[in-house]
Amino acid sequence: MTQIAHLRDAIAASQLLQNVEADDGFVVGSVRFQPAAADIPVNVDPELADNPVMDTDTLIANTQRFLAMPVDRWKQLIDEIALEVEEAVEDDEVDEPRDLRDDLRLHSVAVFADAVLLSFVAPQQFPDCWVRAQLGVGLALEDISIDENDGVETIEFKSLDDLLDKLSAKPDE
């Protein structure tokens, strides 16, 4: 059994996520994240290229810690993110001036051994961007970035043969 398959089975057994699947180097599942009132995908990424020895218990603990975040802490985190972004951008850089707290919508989460990365959409103020917030292990806000969403999905292949296989595959494969 591969490390990713082991992580997939451990996460499925934990029942933290639904529809758990192993993907290329990470595990993905879905969950209803109550504090944000959102159904979101959660990627659990052991970063095997950087950490060849995976710590399944730490990844599950970080996932559980994030999912158990109280609503009050979530609201405080949204306030912190909004304040940081508002301080960083000028009024003329947003498409529609309004309170960012009302515009931020959690889109997805990536859990790592040492961090949690939140990806938000803010369709009114930043319609062509992702607002990303990195949380440390204790779920404290560590970093924020606003990244352009060019609408183009980037797919990486391990080899030219993998690329050719993908290109020659039938659409439903």
Protein backbone atom coordinates (compact mmCIF):
# COMPACT_ATOMS: atom_id res chain seq x y z
CA MET A 1 0.00 0.00 0.00
CA THR A 2 1.38 3.43 -0.94
CA GLN A 3 1.70 6.21 1.62
CA ILE A 4 -1.09 8.16 -0.10
CA ALA A 5 -3.38 5.11 -0.04
CA HIS A 6 -2.59 4.68 3.66
CA LEU A 7 -3.40 8.37 4.31
CA ARG A 8 -6.64 8.04 2.31
CA ASP A 9 -7.70 5.02 4.37
CA ALA A 10 -6.80 6.73 7.67
CA ILE A 11 -8.75 9.88 6.77
CA ALA A 12 -11.73 7.82 5.61
CA ALA A 13 -11.64 5.85 8.88
CA SER A 14 -11.51 9.10 10.88
CA GLN A 15 -14.78 10.19 9.22
CA LEU A 16 -13.54 13.80 9.15
CA LEU A 17 -14.21 14.06 5.41
CA GLN A 18 -16.70 12.51 3.01
CA ASN A 19 -16.00 11.16 -0.48
CA VAL A 20 -12.33 10.64 0.36
CA GLU A 21 -10.09 9.88 -2.62
CA ALA A 22 -6.40 9.62 -3.24
CA ASP A 23 -5.15 11.94 -5.94
CA ASP A 24 -1.67 12.54 -7.30
CA GLY A 25 0.33 13.02 -4.09
CA PHE A 26 -2.51 14.13 -1.80
CA VAL A 27 -5.89 13.10 -0.45
CA VAL A 28 -9.07 15.05 -1.13
CA GLY A 29 -12.47 14.89 0.49
CA SER A 30 -15.44 17.12 1.13
CA VAL A 31 -17.02 18.48 4.27
CA ARG A 32 -19.66 20.89 5.49
CA PHE A 33 -17.60 23.49 7.35
CA GLN A 34 -20.18 24.87 9.77
CA PRO A 35 -18.41 28.09 10.84
CA ALA A 36 -18.41 29.30 7.21
CA ALA A 37 -21.73 27.60 6.36
CA ALA A 38 -20.03 26.15 3.28
CA ASP A 39 -19.54 22.78 1.62
CA ILE A 40 -15.87 22.72 0.68
CA PRO A 41 -13.22 20.40 -0.68
CA VAL A 42 -10.33 19.71 1.67
CA ASN A 43 -6.96 18.59 0.32
CA VAL A 44 -4.65 16.87 2.78
CA ASP A 45 -1.15 17.17 1.37
CA PRO A 46 1.75 15.32 3.02
CA GLU A 47 4.21 17.08 0.66
CA LEU A 48 6.00 13.80 0.00
CA ALA A 49 8.51 15.45 -2.32
CA ASP A 50 9.77 17.51 0.63
CA ASN A 51 8.97 15.05 3.44
CA PRO A 52 9.48 11.46 2.31
CA VAL A 53 8.33 10.17 5.71
CA MET A 54 4.66 11.03 6.11
CA ASP A 55 3.20 11.72 9.57
CA THR A 56 -0.40 10.56 9.15
CA ASP A 57 -1.33 11.36 12.77
CA THR A 58 -0.18 14.99 12.42
CA LEU A 59 -2.09 15.46 9.15
CA ILE A 60 -5.28 14.04 10.65
CA ALA A 61 -4.82 16.12 13.83
CA ASN A 62 -4.38 19.32 11.78
CA THR A 63 -7.46 18.49 9.71
CA GLN A 64 -9.48 17.80 12.85
CA ARG A 65 -8.20 20.99 14.56
CA PHE A 66 -9.26 23.12 11.60
CA LEU A 67 -12.67 21.48 11.21
CA ALA A 68 -13.35 21.90 14.94
CA MET A 69 -12.72 25.66 14.81
CA PRO A 70 -15.39 27.46 16.84
CA VAL A 71 -17.64 29.94 15.04
CA ASP A 72 -16.32 32.81 17.20
CA ARG A 73 -12.73 32.03 16.18
CA TRP A 74 -13.81 31.81 12.51
CA LYS A 75 -15.43 35.26 12.69
CA GLN A 76 -12.30 36.64 14.36
CA LEU A 77 -10.15 35.10 11.62
CA ILE A 78 -12.33 36.65 8.89
CA ASP A 79 -11.95 40.03 10.64
CA GLU A 80 -8.16 39.61 10.74
CA ILE A 81 -8.02 38.68 7.04
CA ALA A 82 -10.28 41.59 6.05
CA LEU A 83 -8.24 44.09 8.07
CA GLU A 84 -4.95 42.87 6.57
CA VAL A 85 -6.31 43.05 3.02
CA GLU A 86 -7.95 46.45 3.55
CA GLU A 87 -4.68 47.86 4.89
CA ALA A 88 -2.74 46.43 1.96
CA VAL A 89 -4.90 47.66 -0.95
CA GLU A 90 -5.99 51.13 -1.94
CA ASP A 91 -9.67 51.94 -2.47
CA ASP A 92 -9.16 52.26 -6.22
CA GLU A 93 -7.86 48.67 -6.47
CA VAL A 94 -11.17 47.02 -5.64
CA ASP A 95 -13.98 46.61 -8.16
CA GLU A 96 -16.77 47.43 -5.72
CA PRO A 97 -16.20 49.08 -2.36
CA ARG A 98 -17.96 47.08 0.32
CA ASP A 99 -17.02 45.33 3.51
CA LEU A 100 -14.71 42.48 2.57
CA ARG A 101 -16.12 40.46 5.48
CA ASP A 102 -19.40 40.25 3.57
CA ASP A 103 -17.70 39.34 0.29
CA LEU A 104 -15.24 36.62 1.39
CA ARG A 105 -16.47 33.08 0.68
CA LEU A 106 -14.42 30.04 1.63
CA HIS A 107 -13.76 28.04 -1.51
CA SER A 108 -11.32 25.30 -0.42
CA VAL A 109 -8.82 24.25 2.22
CA ALA A 110 -5.43 22.56 1.99
CA VAL A 111 -4.04 20.94 5.12
CA PHE A 112 -0.31 20.38 5.52
CA ALA A 113 1.73 19.02 8.43
CA ASP A 114 2.72 22.54 9.48
CA ALA A 115 0.01 24.81 8.06
CA VAL A 116 -3.51 25.20 6.71
CA LEU A 117 -4.11 27.19 3.52
CA LEU A 118 -7.53 28.75 3.01
CA SER A 119 -8.63 29.85 -0.46
CA PHE A 120 -11.41 32.40 -0.65
CA VAL A 121 -13.31 34.05 -3.46
CA ALA A 122 -14.40 37.65 -3.08
CA PRO A 123 -16.55 38.11 -6.19
CA GLN A 124 -17.46 41.76 -5.62
CA GLN A 125 -14.10 43.18 -4.59
CA PHE A 126 -11.68 40.78 -6.27
CA PRO A 127 -13.62 38.97 -9.01
CA ASP A 128 -10.53 37.71 -10.83
CA CYS A 129 -8.50 36.73 -7.78
CA TRP A 130 -8.09 34.26 -4.98
CA VAL A 131 -7.65 35.57 -1.46
CA ARG A 132 -5.40 33.07 0.30
CA ALA A 133 -4.74 32.92 4.01
CA GLN A 134 -2.13 30.70 5.61
CA LEU A 135 -2.69 29.55 9.16
CA GLY A 136 -0.05 28.04 11.41
CA VAL A 137 -0.49 24.82 13.34
CA GLY A 138 -2.29 26.72 16.12
CA LEU A 139 -4.62 28.23 13.47
CA ALA A 140 -3.13 31.71 13.91
CA LEU A 141 -3.06 33.84 10.77
CA GLU A 142 0.47 33.84 9.34
CA ASP A 143 0.21 35.16 5.79
CA ILE A 144 -2.23 36.54 3.24
CA SER A 145 -1.91 36.84 -0.51
CA ILE A 146 -4.15 37.90 -3.35
CA ASP A 147 -3.43 35.78 -6.39
CA GLU A 148 -4.75 36.24 -9.88
CA ASN A 149 -7.27 33.64 -11.01
CA ASP A 150 -6.63 33.33 -14.72
CA GLY A 151 -9.24 30.58 -15.09
CA VAL A 152 -6.69 28.24 -16.58
CA GLU A 153 -6.17 24.93 -14.84
CA THR A 154 -2.52 23.91 -14.65
CA ILE A 155 -1.84 20.21 -14.91
CA GLU A 156 1.60 18.79 -14.22
CA PHE A 157 2.87 15.49 -15.57
CA LYS A 158 5.73 13.39 -14.24
CA SER A 159 6.93 12.46 -17.70
CA LEU A 160 6.35 13.03 -21.38
CA ASP A 161 4.75 9.57 -21.56
CA ASP A 162 2.17 10.61 -18.94
CA LEU A 163 1.37 13.72 -20.97
CA LEU A 164 0.98 11.70 -24.16
CA ASP A 165 -1.24 9.18 -22.36
CA LYS A 166 -3.48 12.02 -21.15
CA LEU A 167 -3.68 13.59 -24.60
CA SER A 168 -4.54 10.30 -26.29
CA ALA A 169 -7.09 9.20 -23.66
CA LYS A 170 -10.79 9.20 -24.42
CA PRO A 171 -12.67 12.13 -22.81
CA ASP A 172 -14.34 9.94 -20.18
CA GLU A 173 -11.09 8.34 -18.96
